Amino acid sequence: MAEYSVGSRGEEGMSLQKEGRAMLTTLKQSFERLGNEVISPMQERDFEAAVDKLSKDCDAGIVIAPDELLLSLTEIVESNTVNLGCPCECVRICTDKLRTTEILSEAGIPVPEIVADAWIPGRKYVIKPRYGCASEDVFIIEGTKRYDPGDGFITMEYIKGENISSSVVAGSSGALPLTVNKQFIRMEHTGRLRLRYTGGLVPYHVDAEREILDMSKQIVAALGCSGYIGIDFVVRSEGERRAYVVDVNPRPTTSIVGIARVLNYELGDL
């Protein structure tokens, strides 16, 4: 089990390391309670080489890493052993926010509209990296003038509402939604309005819960996901109260720490 912020000697922030260690510990203990031996890279100078070496000696493996590294690391695991996470093709799609949005839209699943440029006065837009995770470099602008976010970013309509996520385990037989969760998103004024994830509440009741659970199954099927998947939604608070998909994480997310405490099953077993 390889978690990047804990297993590498990178310069990740303390908050990411705390989240990473919490996820790693939660999953490791779950697999161990089932009688498995779990090994993990720890503070490796060459994290990729460590994943390659250790995965060759294991019956199965799973990687938790930033979007820009997840695909290459998953390819290593898949070439050496049974991959318990999402397959490479799913990771390739989900780590590309633009491609994910296009596929879900084509499948009839509600997503925020992608816009070519932000220029309608008074309307707000979300600027986010095409590739990225942990709400890094996600900010809001108001369309008072044309705005070019630059290469590597996409512009989406801003939907005012409640930030929700769902946690799903999927396999060849279908998808099993585990919980609906509340996400706490703080808006920081740092020259521009930046969005930052600050934690969550597991589980959480929302009026659109049935819709979110049903959509989660459709999303997993449309993207070919398996293993553990975390899906982020915004439930519109103005007008029709409808859920929109804003991100799909093809890997364990921080919500598993809370899920492990409220679920009557072992996450590792599922």
C-alpha atoms as a PDB file:
ATOM      1  CA  MET A   1       0.000   0.000   0.000  1.00  0.00           C
ATOM      2  CA  ALA A   2       1.717   3.140  -1.242  1.00  0.00           C
ATOM      3  CA  GLU A   3       0.649   6.623  -0.072  1.00  0.00           C
ATOM      4  CA  TYR A   4       2.747   9.332  -1.703  1.00  0.00           C
ATOM      5  CA  SER A   5       2.922  12.073   0.947  1.00  0.00           C
ATOM      6  CA  VAL A   6       4.066   9.559   3.594  1.00  0.00           C
ATOM      7  CA  GLY A   7       6.118   7.271   1.370  1.00  0.00           C
ATOM      8  CA  SER A   8       8.243   9.861  -0.432  1.00  0.00           C
ATOM      9  CA  ARG A   9      10.743  12.464   0.703  1.00  0.00           C
ATOM     10  CA  GLY A  10       8.898  15.203  -1.118  1.00  0.00           C
ATOM     11  CA  GLU A  11       8.020  18.640   0.210  1.00  0.00           C
ATOM     12  CA  GLU A  12       4.284  18.119   0.710  1.00  0.00           C
ATOM     13  CA  GLY A  13       2.590  20.413   3.207  1.00  0.00           C
ATOM     14  CA  MET A  14       1.966  19.207   6.735  1.00  0.00           C
ATOM     15  CA  SER A  15      -1.811  19.039   6.142  1.00  0.00           C
ATOM     16  CA  LEU A  16      -1.362  16.684   3.177  1.00  0.00           C
ATOM     17  CA  GLN A  17       0.972  14.463   5.195  1.00  0.00           C
ATOM     18  CA  LYS A  18      -1.563  14.288   8.037  1.00  0.00           C
ATOM     19  CA  GLU A  19      -4.326  13.323   5.613  1.00  0.00           C
ATOM     20  CA  GLY A  20      -2.063  10.824   3.874  1.00  0.00           C
ATOM     21  CA  ARG A  21      -0.992   9.173   7.117  1.00  0.00           C
ATOM     22  CA  ALA A  22      -4.602   8.980   8.303  1.00  0.00           C
ATOM     23  CA  MET A  23      -5.719   7.276   5.072  1.00  0.00           C
ATOM     24  CA  LEU A  24      -2.744   4.914   5.063  1.00  0.00           C
ATOM     25  CA  THR A  25      -3.222   3.927   8.708  1.00  0.00           C
ATOM     26  CA  THR A  26      -6.976   3.407   8.293  1.00  0.00           C
ATOM     27  CA  LEU A  27      -6.644   1.097   5.288  1.00  0.00           C
ATOM     28  CA  LYS A  28      -3.567  -0.697   6.627  1.00  0.00           C
ATOM     29  CA  GLN A  29      -5.294  -1.583   9.902  1.00  0.00           C
ATOM     30  CA  SER A  30      -8.403  -2.760   8.044  1.00  0.00           C
ATOM     31  CA  PHE A  31      -6.414  -5.140   5.832  1.00  0.00           C
ATOM     32  CA  GLU A  32      -4.429  -6.371   8.834  1.00  0.00           C
ATOM     33  CA  ARG A  33      -7.594  -7.160  10.783  1.00  0.00           C
ATOM     34  CA  LEU A  34      -8.488  -9.453   7.867  1.00  0.00           C
ATOM     35  CA  GLY A  35      -5.228 -11.356   8.341  1.00  0.00           C
ATOM     36  CA  ASN A  36      -3.147  -9.688   5.639  1.00  0.00           C
ATOM     37  CA  GLU A  37       0.426  -8.475   5.913  1.00  0.00           C
ATOM     38  CA  VAL A  38       0.750  -4.908   4.644  1.00  0.00           C
ATOM     39  CA  ILE A  39       3.984  -3.237   3.545  1.00  0.00           C
ATOM     40  CA  SER A  40       4.407   0.384   2.473  1.00  0.00           C
ATOM     41  CA  PRO A  41       7.150   2.664   1.150  1.00  0.00           C
ATOM     42  CA  MET A  42       8.258   5.069   3.882  1.00  0.00           C
ATOM     43  CA  GLN A  43      10.199   8.293   3.155  1.00  0.00           C
ATOM     44  CA  GLU A  44      11.809   6.893   0.008  1.00  0.00           C
ATOM     45  CA  ARG A  45      14.187   8.985  -2.085  1.00  0.00           C
ATOM     46  CA  ASP A  46      12.823   7.290  -5.219  1.00  0.00           C
ATOM     47  CA  PHE A  47       9.164   6.588  -4.499  1.00  0.00           C
ATOM     48  CA  GLU A  48       8.450   5.129  -7.951  1.00  0.00           C
ATOM     49  CA  ALA A  49      11.313   2.644  -7.662  1.00  0.00           C
ATOM     50  CA  ALA A  50      10.111   1.620  -4.192  1.00  0.00           C
ATOM     51  CA  VAL A  51       6.586   0.997  -5.508  1.00  0.00           C
ATOM     52  CA  ASP A  52       8.019  -1.093  -8.332  1.00  0.00           C
ATOM     53  CA  LYS A  53      10.182  -3.183  -5.986  1.00  0.00           C
ATOM     54  CA  LEU A  54       7.599  -3.763  -3.253  1.00  0.00           C
ATOM     55  CA  SER A  55       4.661  -4.466  -5.570  1.00  0.00           C
ATOM     56  CA  LYS A  56       6.582  -7.334  -7.183  1.00  0.00           C
ATOM     57  CA  ASP A  57       6.658  -9.088  -3.799  1.00  0.00           C
ATOM     58  CA  CYS A  58       2.943  -8.588  -3.001  1.00  0.00           C
ATOM     59  CA  ASP A  59      -0.254 -10.435  -3.901  1.00  0.00           C
ATOM     60  CA  ALA A  60      -2.091  -7.135  -4.421  1.00  0.00           C
ATOM     61  CA  GLY A  61      -1.420  -3.424  -4.242  1.00  0.00           C
ATOM     62  CA  ILE A  62      -3.034  -0.005  -4.154  1.00  0.00           C
ATOM     63  CA  VAL A  63      -1.668   3.513  -4.654  1.00  0.00           C
ATOM     64  CA  ILE A  64      -2.797   6.843  -3.203  1.00  0.00           C
ATOM     65  CA  ALA A  65      -1.057   9.746  -4.944  1.00  0.00           C
ATOM     66  CA  PRO A  66      -1.620  13.185  -6.509  1.00  0.00           C
ATOM     67  CA  ASP A  67      -3.324  13.190  -9.898  1.00  0.00           C
ATOM     68  CA  GLU A  68      -0.146  13.970 -11.811  1.00  0.00           C
ATOM     69  CA  LEU A  69       1.563  10.848 -10.399  1.00  0.00           C
ATOM     70  CA  LEU A  70      -1.342   8.447  -9.973  1.00  0.00           C
ATOM     71  CA  LEU A  71      -1.418   7.088 -13.524  1.00  0.00           C
ATOM     72  CA  SER A  72       2.276   6.187 -13.788  1.00  0.00           C
ATOM     73  CA  LEU A  73       2.257   4.572 -10.328  1.00  0.00           C
ATOM     74  CA  THR A  74      -0.917   2.623 -11.111  1.00  0.00           C
ATOM     75  CA  GLU A  75       0.696   1.340 -14.305  1.00  0.00           C
ATOM     76  CA  ILE A  76       3.603   0.011 -12.228  1.00  0.00           C
ATOM     77  CA  VAL A  77       1.269  -1.769  -9.796  1.00  0.00           C
ATOM     78  CA  GLU A  78      -0.811  -3.262 -12.621  1.00  0.00           C
ATOM     79  CA  SER A  79       2.303  -4.586 -14.342  1.00  0.00           C
ATOM     80  CA  ASN A  80       3.532  -6.304 -11.154  1.00  0.00           C
ATOM     81  CA  THR A  81       0.488  -7.541  -9.225  1.00  0.00           C
ATOM     82  CA  VAL A  82      -3.285  -7.312  -8.746  1.00  0.00           C
ATOM     83  CA  ASN A  83      -4.355  -3.660  -8.642  1.00  0.00           C
ATOM     84  CA  LEU A  84      -7.002  -3.049  -5.948  1.00  0.00           C
ATOM     85  CA  GLY A  85      -7.532   0.501  -7.165  1.00  0.00           C
ATOM     86  CA  CYS A  86      -9.043   1.935 -10.327  1.00  0.00           C
ATOM     87  CA  PRO A  87      -7.594   0.574 -13.595  1.00  0.00           C
ATOM     88  CA  CYS A  88      -5.179   2.707 -15.604  1.00  0.00           C
ATOM     89  CA  GLU A  89      -7.709   3.744 -18.244  1.00  0.00           C
ATOM     90  CA  CYS A  90     -10.117   5.014 -15.567  1.00  0.00           C
ATOM     91  CA  VAL A  91      -7.292   6.914 -13.828  1.00  0.00           C
ATOM     92  CA  ARG A  92      -6.266   8.424 -17.174  1.00  0.00           C
ATOM     93  CA  ILE A  93      -9.783   9.803 -17.658  1.00  0.00           C
ATOM     94  CA  CYS A  94     -10.576  10.909 -14.101  1.00  0.00           C
ATOM     95  CA  THR A  95      -7.332  12.825 -13.565  1.00  0.00           C
ATOM     96  CA  ASP A  96      -8.257  14.910 -16.625  1.00  0.00           C
ATOM     97  CA  LYS A  97     -11.058  17.185 -15.339  1.00  0.00           C
ATOM     98  CA  LEU A  98     -12.032  18.304 -18.830  1.00  0.00           C
ATOM     99  CA  ARG A  99     -12.326  14.785 -20.266  1.00  0.00           C
ATOM    100  CA  THR A 100     -14.232  13.572 -17.192  1.00  0.00           C
ATOM    101  CA  THR A 101     -16.743  16.402 -17.529  1.00  0.00           C
ATOM    102  CA  GLU A 102     -17.223  15.709 -21.235  1.00  0.00           C
ATOM    103  CA  ILE A 103     -17.833  11.972 -20.730  1.00  0.00           C
ATOM    104  CA  LEU A 104     -20.305  12.511 -17.885  1.00  0.00           C
ATOM    105  CA  SER A 105     -22.158  15.162 -19.875  1.00  0.00           C
ATOM    106  CA  GLU A 106     -22.434  12.810 -22.849  1.00  0.00           C
ATOM    107  CA  ALA A 107     -23.880  10.180 -20.461  1.00  0.00           C
ATOM    108  CA  GLY A 108     -26.602  12.617 -19.366  1.00  0.00           C
ATOM    109  CA  ILE A 109     -25.147  13.174 -15.890  1.00  0.00           C
ATOM    110  CA  PRO A 110     -25.443  16.797 -14.634  1.00  0.00           C
ATOM    111  CA  VAL A 111     -22.095  18.641 -14.616  1.00  0.00           C
ATOM    112  CA  PRO A 112     -21.176  22.355 -14.509  1.00  0.00           C
ATOM    113  CA  GLU A 113     -20.932  23.873 -17.961  1.00  0.00           C
ATOM    114  CA  ILE A 114     -17.445  24.323 -19.421  1.00  0.00           C
ATOM    115  CA  VAL A 115     -17.088  27.857 -20.812  1.00  0.00           C
ATOM    116  CA  ALA A 116     -14.539  29.119 -23.313  1.00  0.00           C
ATOM    117  CA  ASP A 117     -14.012  32.429 -21.507  1.00  0.00           C
ATOM    118  CA  ALA A 118     -15.548  34.321 -18.604  1.00  0.00           C
ATOM    119  CA  TRP A 119     -17.007  37.612 -19.727  1.00  0.00           C
ATOM    120  CA  ILE A 120     -20.724  37.885 -18.869  1.00  0.00           C
ATOM    121  CA  PRO A 121     -20.929  40.737 -16.316  1.00  0.00           C
ATOM    122  CA  GLY A 122     -22.091  39.691 -12.858  1.00  0.00           C
ATOM    123  CA  ARG A 123     -21.760  35.959 -13.494  1.00  0.00           C
ATOM    124  CA  LYS A 124     -19.282  33.934 -11.440  1.00  0.00           C
ATOM    125  CA  TYR A 125     -16.949  31.253 -12.779  1.00  0.00           C
ATOM    126  CA  VAL A 126     -14.738  28.566 -11.250  1.00  0.00           C
ATOM    127  CA  ILE A 127     -11.156  28.329 -12.511  1.00  0.00           C
ATOM    128  CA  LYS A 128      -9.496  24.987 -11.780  1.00  0.00           C
ATOM    129  CA  PRO A 129      -6.462  23.044 -13.007  1.00  0.00           C
ATOM    130  CA  ARG A 130      -7.258  20.534 -15.714  1.00  0.00           C
ATOM    131  CA  TYR A 131      -5.112  18.134 -13.667  1.00  0.00           C
ATOM    132  CA  GLY A 132      -4.989  18.502  -9.876  1.00  0.00           C
ATOM    133  CA  CYS A 133      -6.350  17.418  -6.510  1.00  0.00           C
ATOM    134  CA  ALA A 134      -7.116  18.602  -2.960  1.00  0.00           C
ATOM    135  CA  SER A 135      -8.777  21.824  -4.277  1.00  0.00           C
ATOM    136  CA  GLU A 136      -5.314  23.156  -5.121  1.00  0.00           C
ATOM    137  CA  ASP A 137      -5.378  26.354  -7.214  1.00  0.00           C
ATOM    138  CA  VAL A 138      -9.180  26.407  -7.488  1.00  0.00           C
ATOM    139  CA  PHE A 139     -10.604  29.930  -7.373  1.00  0.00           C
ATOM    140  CA  ILE A 140     -13.663  31.984  -8.306  1.00  0.00           C
ATOM    141  CA  ILE A 141     -13.783  35.032 -10.546  1.00  0.00           C
ATOM    142  CA  GLU A 142     -16.619  37.351 -11.493  1.00  0.00           C
ATOM    143  CA  GLY A 143     -17.064  37.884 -15.214  1.00  0.00           C
ATOM    144  CA  THR A 144     -16.537  41.600 -15.407  1.00  0.00           C
ATOM    145  CA  LYS A 145     -14.140  41.171 -18.335  1.00  0.00           C
ATOM    146  CA  ARG A 146     -12.709  38.438 -20.538  1.00  0.00           C
ATOM    147  CA  TYR A 147     -10.347  36.251 -18.572  1.00  0.00           C
ATOM    148  CA  ASP A 148      -7.750  33.787 -19.833  1.00  0.00           C
ATOM    149  CA  PRO A 149      -6.663  31.422 -17.034  1.00  0.00           C
ATOM    150  CA  GLY A 150      -3.752  30.155 -19.130  1.00  0.00           C
ATOM    151  CA  ASP A 151      -2.688  26.721 -20.230  1.00  0.00           C
ATOM    152  CA  GLY A 152      -3.519  23.857 -17.920  1.00  0.00           C
ATOM    153  CA  PHE A 153      -6.677  25.444 -16.470  1.00  0.00           C
ATOM    154  CA  ILE A 154     -10.359  25.119 -17.324  1.00  0.00           C
ATOM    155  CA  THR A 155     -13.214  27.542 -16.689  1.00  0.00           C
ATOM    156  CA  MET A 156     -16.581  26.249 -15.466  1.00  0.00           C
ATOM    157  CA  GLU A 157     -19.835  27.852 -14.438  1.00  0.00           C
ATOM    158  CA  TYR A 158     -20.072  28.547 -10.698  1.00  0.00           C
ATOM    159  CA  ILE A 159     -22.930  26.728  -8.982  1.00  0.00           C
ATOM    160  CA  LYS A 160     -23.864  28.091  -5.584  1.00  0.00           C
ATOM    161  CA  GLY A 161     -24.817  25.295  -3.239  1.00  0.00           C
ATOM    162  CA  GLU A 162     -23.832  22.679  -0.691  1.00  0.00           C
ATOM    163  CA  ASN A 163     -20.594  20.735  -1.143  1.00  0.00           C
ATOM    164  CA  ILE A 164     -21.229  16.993  -0.866  1.00  0.00           C
ATOM    165  CA  SER A 165     -19.280  13.844  -1.685  1.00  0.00           C
ATOM    166  CA  SER A 166     -20.131  10.189  -2.049  1.00  0.00           C
ATOM    167  CA  SER A 167     -17.859   7.235  -1.331  1.00  0.00           C
ATOM    168  CA  VAL A 168     -18.230   4.160  -3.524  1.00  0.00           C
ATOM    169  CA  VAL A 169     -16.633   0.733  -3.802  1.00  0.00           C
ATOM    170  CA  ALA A 170     -16.989  -0.817  -7.254  1.00  0.00           C
ATOM    171  CA  GLY A 171     -16.117  -4.095  -8.915  1.00  0.00           C
ATOM    172  CA  SER A 172     -17.088  -6.293 -11.840  1.00  0.00           C
ATOM    173  CA  SER A 173     -20.464  -7.045 -10.264  1.00  0.00           C
ATOM    174  CA  GLY A 174     -21.455  -3.383  -9.886  1.00  0.00           C
ATOM    175  CA  ALA A 175     -21.077  -0.392  -7.566  1.00  0.00           C
ATOM    176  CA  LEU A 176     -21.773  -0.186  -3.826  1.00  0.00           C
ATOM    177  CA  PRO A 177     -22.284   3.365  -2.487  1.00  0.00           C
ATOM    178  CA  LEU A 178     -21.047   3.520   1.122  1.00  0.00           C
ATOM    179  CA  THR A 179     -21.867   6.992   2.456  1.00  0.00           C
ATOM    180  CA  VAL A 180     -22.848  10.517   1.522  1.00  0.00           C
ATOM    181  CA  ASN A 181     -20.543  13.070   3.169  1.00  0.00           C
ATOM    182  CA  LYS A 182     -20.499  16.791   3.876  1.00  0.00           C
ATOM    183  CA  GLN A 183     -17.464  18.727   2.622  1.00  0.00           C
ATOM    184  CA  PHE A 184     -16.329  21.892   4.349  1.00  0.00           C
ATOM    185  CA  ILE A 185     -14.977  24.354   1.784  1.00  0.00           C
ATOM    186  CA  ARG A 186     -13.519  27.662   2.937  1.00  0.00           C
ATOM    187  CA  MET A 187     -13.318  30.694   0.680  1.00  0.00           C
ATOM    188  CA  GLU A 188     -10.038  32.565   1.146  1.00  0.00           C
ATOM    189  CA  HIS A 189      -9.402  36.072  -0.140  1.00  0.00           C
ATOM    190  CA  THR A 190      -5.797  36.043  -1.383  1.00  0.00           C
ATOM    191  CA  GLY A 191      -6.048  38.643  -4.107  1.00  0.00           C
ATOM    192  CA  ARG A 192      -8.701  36.414  -5.652  1.00  0.00           C
ATOM    193  CA  LEU A 193     -11.359  34.181  -4.118  1.00  0.00           C
ATOM    194  CA  ARG A 194      -9.709  30.782  -3.579  1.00  0.00           C
ATOM    195  CA  LEU A 195     -11.539  27.587  -2.542  1.00  0.00           C
ATOM    196  CA  ARG A 196      -9.889  25.347   0.048  1.00  0.00           C
ATOM    197  CA  TYR A 197     -11.037  21.980   1.425  1.00  0.00           C
ATOM    198  CA  THR A 198     -10.880  21.954   5.240  1.00  0.00           C
ATOM    199  CA  GLY A 199     -12.491  18.637   6.220  1.00  0.00           C
ATOM    200  CA  GLY A 200     -15.705  16.661   6.168  1.00  0.00           C
ATOM    201  CA  LEU A 201     -18.563  15.096   8.101  1.00  0.00           C
ATOM    202  CA  VAL A 202     -19.281  11.373   7.656  1.00  0.00           C
ATOM    203  CA  PRO A 203     -22.051  10.361   7.138  1.00  0.00           C
ATOM    204  CA  TYR A 204     -24.310  13.284   6.230  1.00  0.00           C
ATOM    205  CA  HIS A 205     -27.999  13.485   5.369  1.00  0.00           C
ATOM    206  CA  VAL A 206     -29.054  15.674   2.456  1.00  0.00           C
ATOM    207  CA  ASP A 207     -32.400  15.903   0.672  1.00  0.00           C
ATOM    208  CA  ALA A 208     -30.793  14.837  -2.605  1.00  0.00           C
ATOM    209  CA  GLU A 209     -29.262  11.712  -1.035  1.00  0.00           C
ATOM    210  CA  ARG A 210     -31.140   9.189  -3.208  1.00  0.00           C
ATOM    211  CA  GLU A 211     -30.264  11.148  -6.334  1.00  0.00           C
ATOM    212  CA  ILE A 212     -26.578  11.283  -5.327  1.00  0.00           C
ATOM    213  CA  LEU A 213     -26.404   7.545  -4.629  1.00  0.00           C
ATOM    214  CA  ASP A 214     -28.065   6.673  -7.940  1.00  0.00           C
ATOM    215  CA  MET A 215     -25.827   9.104  -9.829  1.00  0.00           C
ATOM    216  CA  SER A 216     -22.759   7.601  -8.154  1.00  0.00           C
ATOM    217  CA  LYS A 217     -23.531   4.216  -9.697  1.00  0.00           C
ATOM    218  CA  GLN A 218     -24.031   5.803 -13.124  1.00  0.00           C
ATOM    219  CA  ILE A 219     -20.740   7.732 -12.826  1.00  0.00           C
ATOM    220  CA  VAL A 220     -18.748   4.624 -11.917  1.00  0.00           C
ATOM    221  CA  ALA A 221     -20.229   2.757 -14.885  1.00  0.00           C
ATOM    222  CA  ALA A 222     -19.630   5.627 -17.329  1.00  0.00           C
ATOM    223  CA  LEU A 223     -15.961   5.989 -16.334  1.00  0.00           C
ATOM    224  CA  GLY A 224     -15.110   2.307 -15.812  1.00  0.00           C
ATOM    225  CA  CYS A 225     -14.091   2.725 -12.181  1.00  0.00           C
ATOM    226  CA  SER A 226     -13.316  -0.003  -9.672  1.00  0.00           C
ATOM    227  CA  GLY A 227     -11.944  -0.165  -6.157  1.00  0.00           C
ATOM    228  CA  TYR A 228     -12.663   2.853  -3.946  1.00  0.00           C
ATOM    229  CA  ILE A 229     -13.868   6.061  -5.613  1.00  0.00           C
ATOM    230  CA  GLY A 230     -14.685   9.454  -4.103  1.00  0.00           C
ATOM    231  CA  ILE A 231     -17.100  11.666  -6.052  1.00  0.00           C
ATOM    232  CA  ASP A 232     -17.601  15.387  -5.353  1.00  0.00           C
ATOM    233  CA  PHE A 233     -20.930  17.130  -5.923  1.00  0.00           C
ATOM    234  CA  VAL A 234     -22.493  20.545  -5.510  1.00  0.00           C
ATOM    235  CA  VAL A 235     -26.199  20.494  -4.640  1.00  0.00           C
ATOM    236  CA  ARG A 236     -27.644  23.704  -6.092  1.00  0.00           C
ATOM    237  CA  SER A 237     -29.202  25.919  -3.420  1.00  0.00           C
ATOM    238  CA  GLU A 238     -30.965  28.331  -5.792  1.00  0.00           C
ATOM    239  CA  GLY A 239     -33.765  27.273  -8.095  1.00  0.00           C
ATOM    240  CA  GLU A 240     -34.061  23.529  -8.713  1.00  0.00           C
ATOM    241  CA  ARG A 241     -32.217  21.677  -5.915  1.00  0.00           C
ATOM    242  CA  ARG A 242     -30.154  19.403  -8.127  1.00  0.00           C
ATOM    243  CA  ALA A 243     -26.806  17.653  -7.694  1.00  0.00           C
ATOM    244  CA  TYR A 244     -23.950  18.369 -10.118  1.00  0.00           C
ATOM    245  CA  VAL A 245     -20.729  16.344 -10.360  1.00  0.00           C
ATOM    246  CA  VAL A 246     -17.625  18.509  -9.969  1.00  0.00           C
ATOM    247  CA  ASP A 247     -14.853  15.917  -9.498  1.00  0.00           C
ATOM    248  CA  VAL A 248     -14.214  12.159  -9.535  1.00  0.00           C
ATOM    249  CA  ASN A 249     -11.285  10.808  -7.488  1.00  0.00           C
ATOM    250  CA  PRO A 250     -10.155   7.353  -8.716  1.00  0.00           C
ATOM    251  CA  ARG A 251      -8.440   6.519  -5.408  1.00  0.00           C
ATOM    252  CA  PRO A 252      -9.089   6.455  -1.655  1.00  0.00           C
ATOM    253  CA  THR A 253      -9.970   9.870  -0.244  1.00  0.00           C
ATOM    254  CA  THR A 254      -9.823  11.357   3.242  1.00  0.00           C
ATOM    255  CA  SER A 255     -13.463  10.366   3.837  1.00  0.00           C
ATOM    256  CA  ILE A 256     -12.344   6.762   4.460  1.00  0.00           C
ATOM    257  CA  VAL A 257     -11.095   7.820   7.902  1.00  0.00           C
ATOM    258  CA  GLY A 258     -14.661   8.622   8.963  1.00  0.00           C
ATOM    259  CA  ILE A 259     -16.245   5.801   6.970  1.00  0.00           C
ATOM    260  CA  ALA A 260     -14.136   3.195   8.782  1.00  0.00           C
ATOM    261  CA  ARG A 261     -15.612   4.410  12.076  1.00  0.00           C
ATOM    262  CA  VAL A 262     -19.277   4.299  11.057  1.00  0.00           C
ATOM    263  CA  LEU A 263     -19.416   1.313   8.688  1.00  0.00           C
ATOM    264  CA  ASN A 264     -20.330  -2.182   9.915  1.00  0.00           C
ATOM    265  CA  TYR A 265     -17.952  -3.800   7.400  1.00  0.00           C
ATOM    266  CA  GLU A 266     -14.202  -3.781   6.915  1.00  0.00           C
ATOM    267  CA  LEU A 267     -13.176  -1.423   4.123  1.00  0.00           C
ATOM    268  CA  GLY A 268     -10.376  -3.802   3.189  1.00  0.00           C
ATOM    269  CA  ASP A 269     -12.855  -6.657   2.765  1.00  0.00           C
ATOM    270  CA  LEU A 270     -15.147  -4.591   0.535  1.00  0.00           C
END
